[in-house]
Amino acid sequence: MSRNSKLISENLREEIAKELGVYDQVKKDGDWSNVSAKNCGSIVSKAIEIANRSVENK
């Protein structure tokens, strides 16, 4: 996920990871390298959902 990390702010990524229960792994390891592709996909999907809601509310 580090390659595209600038597409999602670090704060948003951490908030979503906490919501999905993945952040403990990140905190333990000190980076995102051991987060599964499935969980990274879930984070991206959630970020897209949040962005879509934001656009709809404007």
PDB file of N, CA and C in Angstrom:
ATOM      1  N   MET A   1       0.819  -1.187   0.000  1.00  0.00           N
ATOM      2  CA  MET A   1       0.000   0.000   0.000  1.00  0.00           C
ATOM      3  C   MET A   1       0.866   1.256   0.000  1.00  0.00           C
ATOM      4  N   SER A   2       2.122   1.139   0.310  1.00  0.00           N
ATOM      5  CA  SER A   2       2.978   2.311   0.393  1.00  0.00           C
ATOM      6  C   SER A   2       3.166   3.002  -0.948  1.00  0.00           C
ATOM      7  N   ARG A   3       3.090   2.271  -2.046  1.00  0.00           N
ATOM      8  CA  ARG A   3       3.298   2.858  -3.357  1.00  0.00           C
ATOM      9  C   ARG A   3       2.277   3.948  -3.652  1.00  0.00           C
ATOM     10  N   ASN A   4       1.040   3.766  -3.246  1.00  0.00           N
ATOM     11  CA  ASN A   4      -0.020   4.740  -3.501  1.00  0.00           C
ATOM     12  C   ASN A   4      -0.454   5.466  -2.239  1.00  0.00           C
ATOM     13  N   SER A   5       0.415   5.529  -1.259  1.00  0.00           N
ATOM     14  CA  SER A   5       0.029   6.089   0.031  1.00  0.00           C
ATOM     15  C   SER A   5      -0.369   7.554  -0.046  1.00  0.00           C
ATOM     16  N   LYS A   6       0.052   8.267  -1.050  1.00  0.00           N
ATOM     17  CA  LYS A   6      -0.297   9.683  -1.162  1.00  0.00           C
ATOM     18  C   LYS A   6      -1.727   9.882  -1.640  1.00  0.00           C
ATOM     19  N   LEU A   7      -2.373   8.840  -2.130  1.00  0.00           N
ATOM     20  CA  LEU A   7      -3.746   8.951  -2.603  1.00  0.00           C
ATOM     21  C   LEU A   7      -4.737   9.037  -1.455  1.00  0.00           C
ATOM     22  N   ILE A   8      -4.384   8.458  -0.341  1.00  0.00           N
ATOM     23  CA  ILE A   8      -5.220   8.498   0.862  1.00  0.00           C
ATOM     24  C   ILE A   8      -4.352   9.081   1.975  1.00  0.00           C
ATOM     25  N   SER A   9      -4.866  10.082   2.667  1.00  0.00           N
ATOM     26  CA  SER A   9      -4.064  10.679   3.739  1.00  0.00           C
ATOM     27  C   SER A   9      -3.768   9.632   4.813  1.00  0.00           C
ATOM     28  N   GLU A  10      -2.654   9.813   5.467  1.00  0.00           N
ATOM     29  CA  GLU A  10      -2.248   8.880   6.515  1.00  0.00           C
ATOM     30  C   GLU A  10      -3.303   8.817   7.625  1.00  0.00           C
ATOM     31  N   ASN A  11      -3.866   9.963   7.980  1.00  0.00           N
ATOM     32  CA  ASN A  11      -4.880   9.988   9.041  1.00  0.00           C
ATOM     33  C   ASN A  11      -6.118   9.197   8.653  1.00  0.00           C
ATOM     34  N   LEU A  12      -6.584   9.382   7.414  1.00  0.00           N
ATOM     35  CA  LEU A  12      -7.761   8.654   6.952  1.00  0.00           C
ATOM     36  C   LEU A  12      -7.476   7.159   6.900  1.00  0.00           C
ATOM     37  N   ARG A  13      -6.310   6.809   6.389  1.00  0.00           N
ATOM     38  CA  ARG A  13      -5.942   5.393   6.297  1.00  0.00           C
ATOM     39  C   ARG A  13      -5.899   4.753   7.680  1.00  0.00           C
ATOM     40  N   GLU A  14      -5.329   5.456   8.649  1.00  0.00           N
ATOM     41  CA  GLU A  14      -5.266   4.923  10.007  1.00  0.00           C
ATOM     42  C   GLU A  14      -6.652   4.797  10.627  1.00  0.00           C
ATOM     43  N   GLU A  15      -7.509   5.795  10.420  1.00  0.00           N
ATOM     44  CA  GLU A  15      -8.873   5.737  10.954  1.00  0.00           C
ATOM     45  C   GLU A  15      -9.638   4.537  10.391  1.00  0.00           C
ATOM     46  N   ILE A  16      -9.532   4.346   9.093  1.00  0.00           N
ATOM     47  CA  ILE A  16     -10.228   3.216   8.463  1.00  0.00           C
ATOM     48  C   ILE A  16      -9.638   1.904   8.950  1.00  0.00           C
ATOM     49  N   ALA A  17      -8.325   1.826   9.068  1.00  0.00           N
ATOM     50  CA  ALA A  17      -7.678   0.612   9.559  1.00  0.00           C
ATOM     51  C   ALA A  17      -8.136   0.284  10.976  1.00  0.00           C
ATOM     52  N   LYS A  18      -8.290   1.309  11.803  1.00  0.00           N
ATOM     53  CA  LYS A  18      -8.796   1.093  13.164  1.00  0.00           C
ATOM     54  C   LYS A  18     -10.223   0.561  13.116  1.00  0.00           C
ATOM     55  N   GLU A  19     -11.037   1.167  12.256  1.00  0.00           N
ATOM     56  CA  GLU A  19     -12.433   0.751  12.118  1.00  0.00           C
ATOM     57  C   GLU A  19     -12.540  -0.699  11.651  1.00  0.00           C
ATOM     58  N   LEU A  20     -11.627  -1.114  10.780  1.00  0.00           N
ATOM     59  CA  LEU A  20     -11.659  -2.480  10.239  1.00  0.00           C
ATOM     60  C   LEU A  20     -10.875  -3.470  11.100  1.00  0.00           C
ATOM     61  N   GLY A  21     -10.237  -2.985  12.169  1.00  0.00           N
ATOM     62  CA  GLY A  21      -9.506  -3.874  13.070  1.00  0.00           C
ATOM     63  C   GLY A  21      -8.140  -4.289  12.565  1.00  0.00           C
ATOM     64  N   VAL A  22      -7.557  -3.524  11.653  1.00  0.00           N
ATOM     65  CA  VAL A  22      -6.268  -3.853  11.055  1.00  0.00           C
ATOM     66  C   VAL A  22      -5.134  -3.033  11.668  1.00  0.00           C
ATOM     67  N   TYR A  23      -5.459  -1.944  12.293  1.00  0.00           N
ATOM     68  CA  TYR A  23      -4.431  -1.005  12.740  1.00  0.00           C
ATOM     69  C   TYR A  23      -3.498  -1.589  13.800  1.00  0.00           C
ATOM     70  N   ASP A  24      -3.972  -2.488  14.626  1.00  0.00           N
ATOM     71  CA  ASP A  24      -3.104  -3.101  15.636  1.00  0.00           C
ATOM     72  C   ASP A  24      -1.916  -3.801  14.982  1.00  0.00           C
ATOM     73  N   GLN A  25      -2.156  -4.455  13.860  1.00  0.00           N
ATOM     74  CA  GLN A  25      -1.071  -5.127  13.124  1.00  0.00           C
ATOM     75  C   GLN A  25      -0.066  -4.096  12.607  1.00  0.00           C
ATOM     76  N   VAL A  26      -0.567  -2.994  12.070  1.00  0.00           N
ATOM     77  CA  VAL A  26       0.302  -1.932  11.548  1.00  0.00           C
ATOM     78  C   VAL A  26       1.140  -1.346  12.671  1.00  0.00           C
ATOM     79  N   LYS A  27       0.491  -1.064  13.783  1.00  0.00           N
ATOM     80  CA  LYS A  27       1.189  -0.480  14.930  1.00  0.00           C
ATOM     81  C   LYS A  27       2.254  -1.446  15.455  1.00  0.00           C
ATOM     82  N   LYS A  28       1.931  -2.724  15.521  1.00  0.00           N
ATOM     83  CA  LYS A  28       2.866  -3.730  16.014  1.00  0.00           C
ATOM     84  C   LYS A  28       4.084  -3.846  15.110  1.00  0.00           C
ATOM     85  N   ASP A  29       3.847  -3.864  13.796  1.00  0.00           N
ATOM     86  CA  ASP A  29       4.932  -4.050  12.829  1.00  0.00           C
ATOM     87  C   ASP A  29       5.658  -2.753  12.493  1.00  0.00           C
ATOM     88  N   GLY A  30       4.996  -1.626  12.699  1.00  0.00           N
ATOM     89  CA  GLY A  30       5.607  -0.349  12.394  1.00  0.00           C
ATOM     90  C   GLY A  30       5.445   0.084  10.953  1.00  0.00           C
ATOM     91  N   ASP A  31       4.790  -0.731  10.138  1.00  0.00           N
ATOM     92  CA  ASP A  31       4.520  -0.357   8.749  1.00  0.00           C
ATOM     93  C   ASP A  31       3.349  -1.177   8.218  1.00  0.00           C
ATOM     94  N   TRP A  32       3.035  -0.974   6.943  1.00  0.00           N
ATOM     95  CA  TRP A  32       1.867  -1.604   6.333  1.00  0.00           C
ATOM     96  C   TRP A  32       2.217  -2.880   5.565  1.00  0.00           C
ATOM     97  N   SER A  33       3.461  -3.319   5.602  1.00  0.00           N
ATOM     98  CA  SER A  33       3.909  -4.417   4.741  1.00  0.00           C
ATOM     99  C   SER A  33       3.236  -5.754   5.044  1.00  0.00           C
ATOM    100  N   ASN A  34       2.782  -5.980   6.243  1.00  0.00           N
ATOM    101  CA  ASN A  34       2.153  -7.263   6.584  1.00  0.00           C
ATOM    102  C   ASN A  34       0.629  -7.232   6.552  1.00  0.00           C
ATOM    103  N   VAL A  35       0.060  -6.110   6.103  1.00  0.00           N
ATOM    104  CA  VAL A  35      -1.391  -6.031   5.956  1.00  0.00           C
ATOM    105  C   VAL A  35      -1.750  -6.728   4.646  1.00  0.00           C
ATOM    106  N   SER A  36      -2.690  -7.643   4.708  1.00  0.00           N
ATOM    107  CA  SER A  36      -3.037  -8.428   3.524  1.00  0.00           C
ATOM    108  C   SER A  36      -3.631  -7.558   2.419  1.00  0.00           C
ATOM    109  N   ALA A  37      -3.537  -8.068   1.208  1.00  0.00           N
ATOM    110  CA  ALA A  37      -4.111  -7.371   0.055  1.00  0.00           C
ATOM    111  C   ALA A  37      -5.617  -7.211   0.234  1.00  0.00           C
ATOM    112  N   LYS A  38      -6.249  -8.206   0.819  1.00  0.00           N
ATOM    113  CA  LYS A  38      -7.690  -8.133   1.054  1.00  0.00           C
ATOM    114  C   LYS A  38      -8.023  -6.972   1.992  1.00  0.00           C
ATOM    115  N   ASN A  39      -7.264  -6.832   3.066  1.00  0.00           N
ATOM    116  CA  ASN A  39      -7.504  -5.739   4.010  1.00  0.00           C
ATOM    117  C   ASN A  39      -7.176  -4.389   3.389  1.00  0.00           C
ATOM    118  N   CYS A  40      -6.114  -4.329   2.591  1.00  0.00           N
ATOM    119  CA  CYS A  40      -5.793  -3.070   1.897  1.00  0.00           C
ATOM    120  C   CYS A  40      -6.930  -2.700   0.951  1.00  0.00           C
ATOM    121  N   GLY A  41      -7.469  -3.692   0.269  1.00  0.00           N
ATOM    122  CA  GLY A  41      -8.606  -3.448  -0.619  1.00  0.00           C
ATOM    123  C   GLY A  41      -9.815  -2.938   0.144  1.00  0.00           C
ATOM    124  N   SER A  42     -10.025  -3.478   1.323  1.00  0.00           N
ATOM    125  CA  SER A  42     -11.144  -3.014   2.160  1.00  0.00           C
ATOM    126  C   SER A  42     -10.939  -1.566   2.594  1.00  0.00           C
ATOM    127  N   ILE A  43      -9.699  -1.206   2.882  1.00  0.00           N
ATOM    128  CA  ILE A  43      -9.400   0.175   3.266  1.00  0.00           C
ATOM    129  C   ILE A  43      -9.678   1.106   2.097  1.00  0.00           C
ATOM    130  N   VAL A  44      -9.241   0.717   0.912  1.00  0.00           N
ATOM    131  CA  VAL A  44      -9.473   1.540  -0.280  1.00  0.00           C
ATOM    132  C   VAL A  44     -10.967   1.655  -0.558  1.00  0.00           C
ATOM    133  N   SER A  45     -11.691   0.547  -0.466  1.00  0.00           N
ATOM    134  CA  SER A  45     -13.139   0.571  -0.705  1.00  0.00           C
ATOM    135  C   SER A  45     -13.844   1.503   0.262  1.00  0.00           C
ATOM    136  N   LYS A  46     -13.443   1.448   1.517  1.00  0.00           N
ATOM    137  CA  LYS A  46     -14.040   2.319   2.534  1.00  0.00           C
ATOM    138  C   LYS A  46     -13.706   3.780   2.247  1.00  0.00           C
ATOM    139  N   ALA A  47     -12.481   4.067   1.823  1.00  0.00           N
ATOM    140  CA  ALA A  47     -12.089   5.435   1.494  1.00  0.00           C
ATOM    141  C   ALA A  47     -12.906   5.964   0.314  1.00  0.00           C
ATOM    142  N   ILE A  48     -13.144   5.112  -0.678  1.00  0.00           N
ATOM    143  CA  ILE A  48     -13.970   5.498  -1.829  1.00  0.00           C
ATOM    144  C   ILE A  48     -15.394   5.770  -1.380  1.00  0.00           C
ATOM    145  N   GLU A  49     -15.922   4.933  -0.504  1.00  0.00           N
ATOM    146  CA  GLU A  49     -17.270   5.127   0.034  1.00  0.00           C
ATOM    147  C   GLU A  49     -17.373   6.475   0.756  1.00  0.00           C
ATOM    148  N   ILE A  50     -16.373   6.796   1.560  1.00  0.00           N
ATOM    149  CA  ILE A  50     -16.357   8.070   2.284  1.00  0.00           C
ATOM    150  C   ILE A  50     -16.289   9.233   1.298  1.00  0.00           C
ATOM    151  N   ALA A  51     -15.448   9.115   0.280  1.00  0.00           N
ATOM    152  CA  ALA A  51     -15.323  10.171  -0.726  1.00  0.00           C
ATOM    153  C   ALA A  51     -16.625  10.369  -1.476  1.00  0.00           C
ATOM    154  N   ASN A  52     -17.289   9.280  -1.838  1.00  0.00           N
ATOM    155  CA  ASN A  52     -18.569   9.376  -2.545  1.00  0.00           C
ATOM    156  C   ASN A  52     -19.623  10.063  -1.687  1.00  0.00           C
ATOM    157  N   ARG A  53     -19.669   9.739  -0.402  1.00  0.00           N
ATOM    158  CA  ARG A  53     -20.616  10.398   0.504  1.00  0.00           C
ATOM    159  C   ARG A  53     -20.319  11.888   0.599  1.00  0.00           C
ATOM    160  N   SER A  54     -19.042  12.215   0.630  1.00  0.00           N
ATOM    161  CA  SER A  54     -18.642  13.611   0.719  1.00  0.00           C
ATOM    162  C   SER A  54     -19.102  14.390  -0.521  1.00  0.00           C
ATOM    163  N   VAL A  55     -18.959  13.793  -1.686  1.00  0.00           N
ATOM    164  CA  VAL A  55     -19.371  14.440  -2.933  1.00  0.00           C
ATOM    165  C   VAL A  55     -20.899  14.570  -2.989  1.00  0.00           C
ATOM    166  N   GLU A  56     -21.606  13.551  -2.537  1.00  0.00           N
ATOM    167  CA  GLU A  56     -23.070  13.576  -2.552  1.00  0.00           C
ATOM    168  C   GLU A  56     -23.635  14.654  -1.635  1.00  0.00           C
ATOM    169  N   ASN A  57     -22.921  14.951  -0.561  1.00  0.00           N
ATOM    170  CA  ASN A  57     -23.400  15.937   0.412  1.00  0.00           C
ATOM    171  C   ASN A  57     -23.103  17.375   0.006  1.00  0.00           C
ATOM    172  N   LYS A  58     -22.417  17.562  -1.099  1.00  0.00           N
ATOM    173  CA  LYS A  58     -22.095  18.932  -1.546  1.00  0.00           C
ATOM    174  C   LYS A  58     -23.158  19.478  -2.456  1.00  0.00           C
TER     175      LYS A  58
END
